[in-house]
Amino acid sequence: MKTIKFNKILLLAFSLVVFNACVQDDDFDTPDTINSTVVDFPEDQKVSIGAVLGSYYQENEPVTLEYSSPRYMEGYVVSSDEGGNFYKQLVLQDAPENPTAAIVVQIDINPVFTRFEFGRKVFIKLNGLTVAEDNGVVQLGRLDGDELNRIASSLVPDHVFRSGEIATIVPKEVTIGEFSNDLESQYIRLTNVRFNEDQVGMTFASESGDSFDGERIIETCLGSSVILSTSTFSDFKALTLPGNRGSIDGILTRDFFDDFYTIYLNTPEDINFNNPDPCPEPLLAANFNDVTDNSIFDVDGWLNVAQAGSEFWTEQVYQGNGYAEFTAFQTNDSSNIGWLISPAMNLDAEDGEVLTFQTEHAYPDAGHDALKVYISTDFDGTEAGVGSATWDELDFTSSLENDFEEWFTWTESGEIDLSSYSGTGYIAFVYTGSDTSNLNTTIHVDNVFVIVQ
């Protein structure tokens, strides 16, 4: 995929990263560089944000938008540089509530919020602009050679127009496991989350190791997590992270190197952590961080069974992260069936049990449904009892179905309701494959949690 990159040396020098901000009090453009006219345009001249995104995704390379007559993209502003966490950009989504698409518009004015405030409906004249991807985020700007630049301040009045509407923006409530390209640049809400307990009391972005951005961990009681990024030039960088748990609203995007999803705030007031209760103790918590590399999986309480073939689940470590792995590759077996069964859990202690875990894959074979997950309440906990127990298959989001071509990418299972089960429960991860039939996909499992909501 061809992408256009900003000059990153200059970006780093001036801290102008995507969703990175530096608003200086004495660095305001004069009002006459900003279009103050309130307008609307005929429906037949309007182009949706989704259609603009589609122009890029259809070609998988930068596209300069040319039309025989004027065309305007409409959207609602969901970013604000008032707190200094955004810089010379508008983030627009296609509806104030339940949006389906969003995009970043790079504009060379500062500040932005004084004219294009949060919730303002605006129109972007598309003629002559280029849509491209940078750092994993699709954006609009002006093409200069092979670089996507901001719309020059002198051209902003020709391309960016205010409507008379200021809408109430309703955050889209999502879970970390639902993050995808389709949600990028949208204004989202995470609920029942908290900052990592080891980071509570730290500043947003004023620690000695913070460079350009402070990165802090937001996590759920079920073990899912995402990074909150805050510019070291933001007005609230020195505030401390709150305790408790609750909701947080922000814009979902990618980090500077397009390695992971991250969230940027408009203001710390978008954090509402009003629940002082700690997370309940999990019935099952396994992050496998104490495993050793390239050995047979042998974690206390877990049962590792080779039902067919010679291969067992193994312990693996990559960049300090431990996980369980199974692959039929190079086993020379016509059939490989491997069971990895959790310790026993008391499902009668509380109500509302939920299971979550993560999977990733590599070297996938088309049509190979390599992993299934089951629960049993009549399993006796022994290898001999695996075949005689009743195992109910559980539905989950697998990395194979979520991003088949994205190898080594952890995918959240989603929250799996176990509340209908009672008694003593066991969770089983079962790999099925065949080396001789070229069904030898590699599967990884990590961060297995069962907790009461």
Protein backbone atom coordinates (compact mmCIF):
# COMPACT_ATOMS: atom_id res chain seq x y z
CA MET A 1 0.00 0.00 0.00
CA LYS A 2 1.38 3.37 -0.99
CA THR A 3 1.01 6.10 1.62
CA ILE A 4 2.04 9.71 1.75
CA LYS A 5 4.16 10.64 4.74
CA PHE A 6 4.65 14.08 6.22
CA ASN A 7 8.27 15.12 6.64
CA LYS A 8 8.77 13.36 9.96
CA ILE A 9 11.98 15.11 10.86
CA LEU A 10 10.17 18.41 10.80
CA LEU A 11 7.17 16.87 12.49
CA LEU A 12 9.25 15.59 15.35
CA ALA A 13 11.15 18.83 15.60
CA PHE A 14 7.96 20.82 15.96
CA SER A 15 5.83 18.11 17.63
CA LEU A 16 3.35 18.15 14.80
CA VAL A 17 2.28 14.54 14.98
CA VAL A 18 -1.18 13.35 14.04
CA PHE A 19 -3.43 14.23 16.95
CA ASN A 20 -0.48 15.87 18.65
CA ALA A 21 -0.87 19.43 19.70
CA CYS A 22 0.93 22.60 20.55
CA VAL A 23 -1.18 25.71 20.90
CA GLN A 24 0.83 28.78 21.82
CA ASP A 25 -1.06 31.72 23.26
CA ASP A 26 0.78 34.13 20.94
CA ASP A 27 0.49 31.97 17.81
CA PHE A 28 -3.03 32.81 16.72
CA ASP A 29 -3.93 33.55 13.14
CA THR A 30 -5.79 36.74 12.51
CA PRO A 31 -9.54 36.35 11.94
CA ASP A 32 -9.41 37.34 8.28
CA THR A 33 -7.59 34.10 7.41
CA ILE A 34 -10.62 32.08 8.50
CA ASN A 35 -13.87 31.80 6.61
CA SER A 36 -16.59 33.29 8.81
CA THR A 37 -19.42 32.94 6.28
CA VAL A 38 -22.29 30.66 7.33
CA VAL A 39 -23.37 28.59 4.35
CA ASP A 40 -25.15 25.54 3.03
CA PHE A 41 -24.95 23.82 -0.36
CA PRO A 42 -27.38 21.94 -2.62
CA GLU A 43 -27.69 18.22 -1.93
CA ASP A 44 -26.46 17.31 -5.40
CA GLN A 45 -23.14 19.04 -4.62
CA LYS A 46 -22.54 17.15 -1.39
CA VAL A 47 -20.20 14.17 -0.99
CA SER A 48 -20.23 12.02 2.12
CA ILE A 49 -17.18 11.34 4.28
CA GLY A 50 -17.65 7.65 3.53
CA ALA A 51 -17.39 8.34 -0.20
CA VAL A 52 -14.19 10.33 0.30
CA LEU A 53 -12.69 7.50 2.35
CA GLY A 54 -13.81 5.09 -0.36
CA SER A 55 -11.88 7.09 -2.96
CA TYR A 56 -8.69 6.28 -1.09
CA TYR A 57 -9.48 2.67 -0.17
CA GLN A 58 -10.51 1.85 -3.73
CA GLU A 59 -7.06 2.81 -5.02
CA ASN A 60 -5.02 2.10 -1.88
CA GLU A 61 -2.95 5.13 -2.76
CA PRO A 62 -3.30 8.93 -2.55
CA VAL A 63 -6.09 10.35 -4.68
CA THR A 64 -6.44 14.00 -5.72
CA LEU A 65 -10.13 14.77 -5.95
CA GLU A 66 -11.20 16.35 -9.21
CA TYR A 67 -14.77 17.13 -10.19
CA SER A 68 -16.30 18.96 -13.14
CA SER A 69 -18.19 21.20 -10.71
CA PRO A 70 -17.83 22.12 -7.02
CA ARG A 71 -18.29 19.30 -4.52
CA TYR A 72 -18.52 19.66 -0.75
CA MET A 73 -18.01 17.16 2.05
CA GLU A 74 -20.07 17.83 5.15
CA GLY A 75 -19.21 16.76 8.65
CA TYR A 76 -19.37 17.63 12.34
CA VAL A 77 -16.32 18.79 14.25
CA VAL A 78 -15.36 16.37 17.04
CA SER A 79 -11.87 17.71 17.78
CA SER A 80 -10.92 20.81 19.73
CA ASP A 81 -7.52 22.46 20.04
CA GLU A 82 -8.68 24.59 22.96
CA GLY A 83 -6.87 22.28 25.38
CA GLY A 84 -3.76 22.06 23.25
CA ASN A 85 -4.04 18.36 22.44
CA PHE A 86 -4.70 18.90 18.72
CA TYR A 87 -2.81 21.11 16.31
CA LYS A 88 -3.92 22.64 13.00
CA GLN A 89 -6.49 20.00 12.12
CA LEU A 90 -10.19 19.30 12.07
CA VAL A 91 -11.53 15.85 12.86
CA LEU A 92 -14.93 15.46 11.22
CA GLN A 93 -17.50 12.69 11.46
CA ASP A 94 -20.59 12.27 9.32
CA ALA A 95 -23.25 12.52 12.04
CA PRO A 96 -23.50 13.93 15.57
CA GLU A 97 -24.72 10.56 16.83
CA ASN A 98 -24.01 7.01 15.61
CA PRO A 99 -21.57 8.11 12.89
CA THR A 100 -20.47 5.69 10.19
CA ALA A 101 -17.31 7.47 9.02
CA ALA A 102 -14.82 10.13 10.07
CA ILE A 103 -11.77 11.84 8.60
CA VAL A 104 -8.97 14.25 9.51
CA VAL A 105 -8.63 17.54 7.62
CA GLN A 106 -5.23 19.23 7.85
CA ILE A 107 -5.54 23.05 7.86
CA ASP A 108 -2.83 25.64 8.49
CA ILE A 109 -4.67 27.87 10.96
CA ASN A 110 -4.25 28.25 14.69
CA PRO A 111 -6.34 28.20 16.80
CA VAL A 112 -9.10 26.23 15.10
CA PHE A 113 -11.73 26.06 17.84
CA THR A 114 -12.52 29.79 17.78
CA ARG A 115 -14.21 29.42 14.40
CA PHE A 116 -14.77 25.67 13.95
CA GLU A 117 -15.83 24.66 17.42
CA PHE A 118 -16.80 21.25 18.76
CA GLY A 119 -20.13 20.20 17.24
CA ARG A 120 -20.04 22.76 14.41
CA LYS A 121 -21.25 21.42 11.08
CA VAL A 122 -18.80 22.38 8.36
CA PHE A 123 -18.35 21.88 4.64
CA ILE A 124 -15.05 21.10 2.94
CA LYS A 125 -14.73 21.99 -0.74
CA LEU A 126 -13.04 18.89 -2.12
CA ASN A 127 -11.94 20.11 -5.53
CA GLY A 128 -8.16 19.93 -5.71
CA LEU A 129 -7.66 18.34 -2.29
CA THR A 130 -5.90 15.00 -1.84
CA VAL A 131 -7.08 12.13 0.32
CA ALA A 132 -4.23 9.96 1.61
CA GLU A 133 -3.17 7.82 4.54
CA ASP A 134 -0.51 8.85 7.00
CA ASN A 135 0.40 6.86 10.10
CA GLY A 136 -2.59 4.61 9.43
CA VAL A 137 -5.07 7.51 9.46
CA VAL A 138 -6.88 8.72 6.32
CA GLN A 139 -6.63 12.50 5.91
CA LEU A 140 -7.42 15.38 3.57
CA GLY A 141 -4.89 18.02 2.60
CA ARG A 142 -3.00 19.60 -0.30
CA LEU A 143 -0.55 17.54 -2.33
CA ASP A 144 2.95 19.01 -2.63
CA GLY A 145 5.18 16.67 -4.58
CA ASP A 146 4.90 13.36 -2.77
CA GLU A 147 3.85 14.90 0.55
CA LEU A 148 0.43 15.72 1.93
CA ASN A 149 0.55 19.22 3.38
CA ARG A 150 -1.98 21.28 5.26
CA ILE A 151 -4.43 23.48 3.42
CA ALA A 152 -2.59 26.82 3.45
CA SER A 153 -4.15 29.51 5.62
CA SER A 154 -4.70 31.67 2.53
CA LEU A 155 -6.72 28.84 0.94
CA VAL A 156 -8.78 27.91 4.00
CA PRO A 157 -11.56 30.42 3.11
CA ASP A 158 -11.83 28.70 -0.27
CA HIS A 159 -12.13 25.19 1.18
CA VAL A 160 -13.61 25.27 4.71
CA PHE A 161 -17.07 26.71 5.37
CA ARG A 162 -19.20 26.94 8.49
CA SER A 163 -22.86 26.00 8.53
CA GLY A 164 -25.23 27.58 11.00
CA GLU A 165 -25.65 24.31 12.90
CA ILE A 166 -23.90 23.43 16.14
CA ALA A 167 -24.96 19.91 17.07
CA THR A 168 -24.79 18.02 20.34
CA ILE A 169 -22.17 15.32 19.77
CA VAL A 170 -23.09 11.98 21.36
CA PRO A 171 -20.08 9.69 21.84
CA LYS A 172 -20.39 6.28 20.22
CA GLU A 173 -20.20 3.70 23.00
CA VAL A 174 -17.85 0.90 22.00
CA THR A 175 -15.57 -1.67 23.62
CA ILE A 176 -11.85 -2.03 23.11
CA GLY A 177 -12.47 -5.33 21.38
CA GLU A 178 -14.53 -3.55 18.72
CA PHE A 179 -11.73 -1.22 17.59
CA SER A 180 -11.23 -1.34 13.82
CA ASN A 181 -10.42 0.86 10.84
CA ASP A 182 -14.14 1.62 10.54
CA LEU A 183 -14.06 3.47 13.88
CA GLU A 184 -10.91 5.51 13.24
CA SER A 185 -11.24 9.26 13.90
CA GLN A 186 -14.71 8.85 15.43
CA TYR A 187 -15.66 10.31 18.80
CA ILE A 188 -16.10 7.29 21.05
CA ARG A 189 -16.87 6.42 24.66
CA LEU A 190 -15.37 3.61 26.73
CA THR A 191 -17.29 2.63 29.87
CA ASN A 192 -16.25 0.80 33.04
CA VAL A 193 -12.57 1.55 32.47
CA ARG A 194 -9.79 2.89 34.68
CA PHE A 195 -6.15 3.90 34.49
CA ASN A 196 -3.60 1.22 35.24
CA GLU A 197 -3.20 1.23 39.02
CA ASP A 198 0.58 1.65 38.73
CA GLN A 199 0.03 4.89 36.79
CA VAL A 200 -2.71 6.50 38.88
CA GLY A 201 -1.26 9.72 40.28
CA MET A 202 1.16 10.19 37.41
CA THR A 203 0.70 13.21 35.17
CA PHE A 204 -0.90 12.99 31.75
CA ALA A 205 2.30 13.94 29.96
CA SER A 206 4.84 15.59 32.27
CA GLU A 207 6.93 12.64 33.43
CA SER A 208 10.66 12.64 32.75
CA GLY A 209 10.35 9.92 30.14
CA ASP A 210 7.56 11.61 28.16
CA SER A 211 8.69 12.80 24.75
CA PHE A 212 6.14 14.40 22.39
CA ASP A 213 3.35 12.28 23.91
CA GLY A 214 2.61 10.85 27.31
CA GLU A 215 1.22 7.33 26.89
CA ARG A 216 -0.95 6.00 29.70
CA ILE A 217 -2.79 2.70 29.96
CA ILE A 218 -6.59 2.61 30.13
CA GLU A 219 -7.88 -0.85 31.05
CA THR A 220 -11.07 -2.72 31.78
CA CYS A 221 -11.70 -5.04 34.69
CA LEU A 222 -11.62 -7.83 32.10
CA GLY A 223 -8.02 -7.14 31.16
CA SER A 224 -8.45 -5.33 27.85
CA SER A 225 -6.40 -2.16 27.48
CA VAL A 226 -5.69 0.78 25.19
CA ILE A 227 -3.24 3.68 25.30
CA LEU A 228 -4.37 7.23 26.06
CA SER A 229 -1.99 9.65 24.33
CA THR A 230 -1.55 13.23 25.51
CA SER A 231 0.68 15.85 23.92
CA THR A 232 3.51 17.16 26.05
CA PHE A 233 2.39 20.59 24.78
CA SER A 234 -1.20 20.24 26.00
CA ASP A 235 -2.55 22.61 28.61
CA PHE A 236 -3.42 19.70 30.93
CA LYS A 237 -0.17 17.74 30.62
CA ALA A 238 0.73 18.35 34.30
CA LEU A 239 -2.60 17.23 35.74
CA THR A 240 -2.55 13.89 37.51
CA LEU A 241 -4.42 10.81 36.35
CA PRO A 242 -7.56 10.16 38.40
CA GLY A 243 -8.32 6.99 40.29
CA ASN A 244 -11.63 5.12 40.33
CA ARG A 245 -13.26 3.89 37.14
CA GLY A 246 -15.99 5.04 34.79
CA SER A 247 -16.24 6.44 31.27
CA ILE A 248 -13.88 8.31 28.97
CA ASP A 249 -14.69 10.13 25.70
CA GLY A 250 -12.14 10.79 23.00
CA ILE A 251 -11.09 10.31 19.40
CA LEU A 252 -9.86 6.90 18.31
CA THR A 253 -6.78 6.98 16.12
CA ARG A 254 -3.40 5.32 15.58
CA ASP A 255 -0.10 6.11 17.23
CA PHE A 256 2.62 8.04 15.38
CA PHE A 257 4.22 4.87 14.00
CA ASP A 258 0.89 3.14 13.23
CA ASP A 259 1.67 0.35 15.70
CA PHE A 260 -1.47 0.43 17.84
CA TYR A 261 -4.80 2.15 18.46
CA THR A 262 -4.76 5.10 20.81
CA ILE A 263 -7.21 7.71 22.13
CA TYR A 264 -6.78 11.49 22.30
CA LEU A 265 -8.83 13.73 24.58
CA ASN A 266 -10.18 17.17 23.79
CA THR A 267 -10.18 17.96 27.50
CA PRO A 268 -9.65 16.02 30.74
CA GLU A 269 -13.25 16.88 31.58
CA ASP A 270 -14.15 14.08 29.17
CA ILE A 271 -13.03 11.62 31.85
CA ASN A 272 -15.83 10.69 34.26
CA PHE A 273 -14.39 8.19 36.73
CA ASN A 274 -17.06 8.30 39.42
CA ASN A 275 -17.13 4.65 40.52
CA PRO A 276 -14.84 4.18 43.55
CA ASP A 277 -15.42 0.43 43.76
CA PRO A 278 -12.40 -1.69 42.80
CA CYS A 279 -12.69 -4.29 40.09
CA PRO A 280 -14.01 -7.58 41.48
CA GLU A 281 -11.54 -10.40 41.87
CA PRO A 282 -11.52 -12.52 38.69
CA LEU A 283 -12.60 -16.15 38.79
CA LEU A 284 -9.84 -16.79 36.26
CA ALA A 285 -6.91 -14.56 35.38
CA ALA A 286 -4.11 -15.79 33.13
CA ASN A 287 -1.70 -13.48 31.31
CA PHE A 288 0.97 -16.20 30.94
CA ASN A 289 3.75 -13.72 31.67
CA ASP A 290 5.65 -16.29 33.75
CA VAL A 291 6.02 -18.84 30.96
CA THR A 292 9.32 -19.77 29.33
CA ASP A 293 10.07 -19.67 25.62
CA ASN A 294 9.73 -22.72 23.37
CA SER A 295 8.68 -25.24 25.99
CA ILE A 296 5.67 -27.50 26.47
CA PHE A 297 2.88 -25.48 28.09
CA ASP A 298 2.98 -26.27 31.80
CA VAL A 299 1.23 -23.58 33.83
CA ASP A 300 -0.09 -24.50 37.25
CA GLY A 301 -3.71 -25.59 37.12
CA TRP A 302 -3.91 -25.79 33.32
CA LEU A 303 -4.28 -29.12 31.52
CA ASN A 304 -2.44 -29.66 28.20
CA VAL A 305 -3.75 -32.64 26.22
CA ALA A 306 -2.78 -33.97 22.77
CA GLN A 307 -5.96 -35.75 21.70
CA ALA A 308 -4.59 -36.49 18.22
CA GLY A 309 -1.07 -36.21 16.87
CA SER A 310 2.22 -35.58 18.61
CA GLU A 311 2.01 -31.84 19.21
CA PHE A 312 1.09 -30.08 22.48
CA TRP A 313 0.36 -26.46 23.26
CA THR A 314 3.64 -24.65 23.91
CA GLU A 315 4.81 -21.64 25.91
CA GLN A 316 6.16 -18.71 23.89
CA VAL A 317 7.59 -15.30 24.75
CA TYR A 318 7.92 -12.33 22.40
CA GLN A 319 9.25 -8.96 23.55
CA GLY A 320 8.56 -9.91 27.16
CA ASN A 321 4.97 -11.03 26.57
CA GLY A 322 4.14 -14.66 27.25
CA TYR A 323 1.35 -16.59 25.54
CA ALA A 324 0.19 -20.08 24.56
CA GLU A 325 0.78 -21.34 21.02
CA PHE A 326 -0.31 -24.27 18.90
CA THR A 327 0.61 -25.08 15.32
CA ALA A 328 0.48 -28.26 13.27
CA PHE A 329 3.38 -27.02 11.12
CA GLN A 330 6.19 -29.58 10.69
CA THR A 331 4.51 -32.14 12.96
CA ASN A 332 4.14 -34.55 10.02
CA ASP A 333 0.82 -35.55 11.59
CA SER A 334 -2.30 -36.16 9.52
CA SER A 335 -4.38 -34.90 12.46
CA ASN A 336 -3.54 -32.57 15.32
CA ILE A 337 -6.05 -31.91 18.08
CA GLY A 338 -4.72 -30.08 21.13
CA TRP A 339 -6.67 -29.14 24.25
CA LEU A 340 -5.64 -26.39 26.67
CA ILE A 341 -8.03 -26.47 29.63
CA SER A 342 -8.25 -23.86 32.38
CA PRO A 343 -8.29 -24.47 36.13
CA ALA A 344 -11.70 -25.06 37.73
CA MET A 345 -13.93 -22.06 38.47
CA ASN A 346 -16.83 -21.77 40.90
CA LEU A 347 -19.67 -20.39 38.78
CA ASP A 348 -22.08 -20.32 41.74
CA ALA A 349 -20.19 -17.73 43.78
CA GLU A 350 -21.51 -14.71 41.87
CA ASP A 351 -23.87 -13.82 39.03
CA GLY A 352 -22.94 -12.24 35.70
CA GLU A 353 -19.72 -14.07 34.78
CA VAL A 354 -18.03 -12.91 31.58
CA LEU A 355 -15.13 -14.49 29.68
CA THR A 356 -12.64 -12.53 27.59
CA PHE A 357 -9.33 -13.46 25.96
CA GLN A 358 -7.12 -12.52 23.04
CA THR A 359 -6.06 -14.46 19.95
CA GLU A 360 -3.64 -13.85 17.13
CA HIS A 361 -2.47 -15.98 14.23
CA ALA A 362 0.26 -16.43 11.64
CA TYR A 363 0.68 -18.41 8.41
CA PRO A 364 -3.08 -18.89 8.07
CA ASP A 365 -4.64 -21.39 5.69
CA ALA A 366 -7.83 -20.29 3.98
CA GLY A 367 -10.84 -22.12 5.33
CA HIS A 368 -8.93 -23.49 8.32
CA ASP A 369 -11.03 -22.84 11.44
CA ALA A 370 -8.11 -23.71 13.67
CA LEU A 371 -9.44 -22.71 17.10
CA LYS A 372 -12.64 -23.39 18.98
CA VAL A 373 -13.44 -22.50 22.59
CA TYR A 374 -15.66 -24.55 24.90
CA ILE A 375 -17.04 -24.60 28.44
CA SER A 376 -17.90 -27.66 30.53
CA THR A 377 -19.54 -28.01 33.94
CA ASP A 378 -19.28 -31.82 34.16
CA PHE A 379 -15.58 -32.24 33.32
CA ASP A 380 -13.69 -34.11 36.06
CA GLY A 381 -10.44 -32.20 35.55
CA THR A 382 -8.43 -35.18 34.25
CA GLU A 383 -6.98 -36.03 30.86
CA ALA A 384 -9.04 -39.21 30.77
CA GLY A 385 -12.23 -37.22 31.32
CA VAL A 386 -11.85 -34.90 28.32
CA GLY A 387 -13.68 -37.19 25.92
CA SER A 388 -16.55 -38.06 28.23
CA ALA A 389 -17.37 -34.51 29.38
CA THR A 390 -20.03 -32.28 27.82
CA TRP A 391 -18.46 -29.30 26.08
CA ASP A 392 -20.54 -26.34 24.89
CA GLU A 393 -18.98 -24.28 22.11
CA LEU A 394 -18.68 -20.56 22.81
CA ASP A 395 -18.96 -17.82 20.18
CA PHE A 396 -16.08 -15.36 20.09
CA THR A 397 -14.33 -12.94 17.75
CA SER A 398 -11.24 -14.66 16.36
CA SER A 399 -8.23 -13.00 14.80
CA LEU A 400 -8.79 -15.29 11.81
CA GLU A 401 -12.18 -13.76 11.09
CA ASN A 402 -11.34 -10.22 12.17
CA ASP A 403 -8.07 -9.65 10.25
CA PHE A 404 -7.20 -12.77 8.28
CA GLU A 405 -4.33 -11.11 6.43
CA GLU A 406 -3.00 -9.25 9.49
CA TRP A 407 -0.55 -11.66 11.10
CA PHE A 408 0.63 -11.34 14.69
CA THR A 409 -2.16 -8.91 15.58
CA TRP A 410 -3.94 -9.49 18.87
CA THR A 411 -7.74 -9.54 18.61
CA GLU A 412 -10.14 -9.20 21.52
CA SER A 413 -12.62 -12.07 21.84
CA GLY A 414 -15.42 -9.81 22.94
CA GLU A 415 -17.34 -10.30 26.19
CA ILE A 416 -18.70 -13.86 26.34
CA ASP A 417 -21.63 -14.28 28.74
CA LEU A 418 -21.25 -17.29 31.05
CA SER A 419 -24.04 -16.31 33.44
CA SER A 420 -26.29 -19.21 32.38
CA TYR A 421 -23.78 -21.77 33.63
CA SER A 422 -23.55 -23.01 37.21
CA GLY A 423 -21.41 -25.40 39.19
CA THR A 424 -17.73 -25.98 38.54
CA GLY A 425 -16.68 -24.67 35.14
CA TYR A 426 -13.71 -25.20 32.86
CA ILE A 427 -12.75 -23.28 29.70
CA ALA A 428 -11.05 -25.23 26.89
CA PHE A 429 -9.11 -23.87 23.90
CA VAL A 430 -9.02 -26.57 21.23
CA TYR A 431 -6.80 -26.48 18.14
CA THR A 432 -7.61 -28.71 15.17
CA GLY A 433 -5.30 -29.05 12.17
CA SER A 434 -3.25 -31.29 9.92
CA ASP A 435 0.29 -30.86 8.71
CA THR A 436 -0.06 -33.35 5.86
CA SER A 437 -3.21 -31.57 4.61
CA ASN A 438 -1.58 -28.12 4.87
CA LEU A 439 -3.97 -27.05 7.61
CA ASN A 440 -1.23 -25.87 9.95
CA THR A 441 -2.18 -22.32 10.92
CA THR A 442 -0.36 -20.96 13.98
CA ILE A 443 -2.64 -19.82 16.83
CA HIS A 444 -1.76 -17.78 19.92
CA VAL A 445 -3.92 -17.31 23.04
CA ASP A 446 -3.32 -14.77 25.82
CA ASN A 447 -4.96 -12.76 28.63
CA VAL A 448 -7.74 -15.16 29.62
CA PHE A 449 -10.10 -13.61 32.17
CA VAL A 450 -13.38 -14.62 33.74
CA ILE A 451 -14.80 -11.88 35.91
CA VAL A 452 -18.15 -10.83 37.38
CA GLN A 453 -19.55 -7.72 35.77
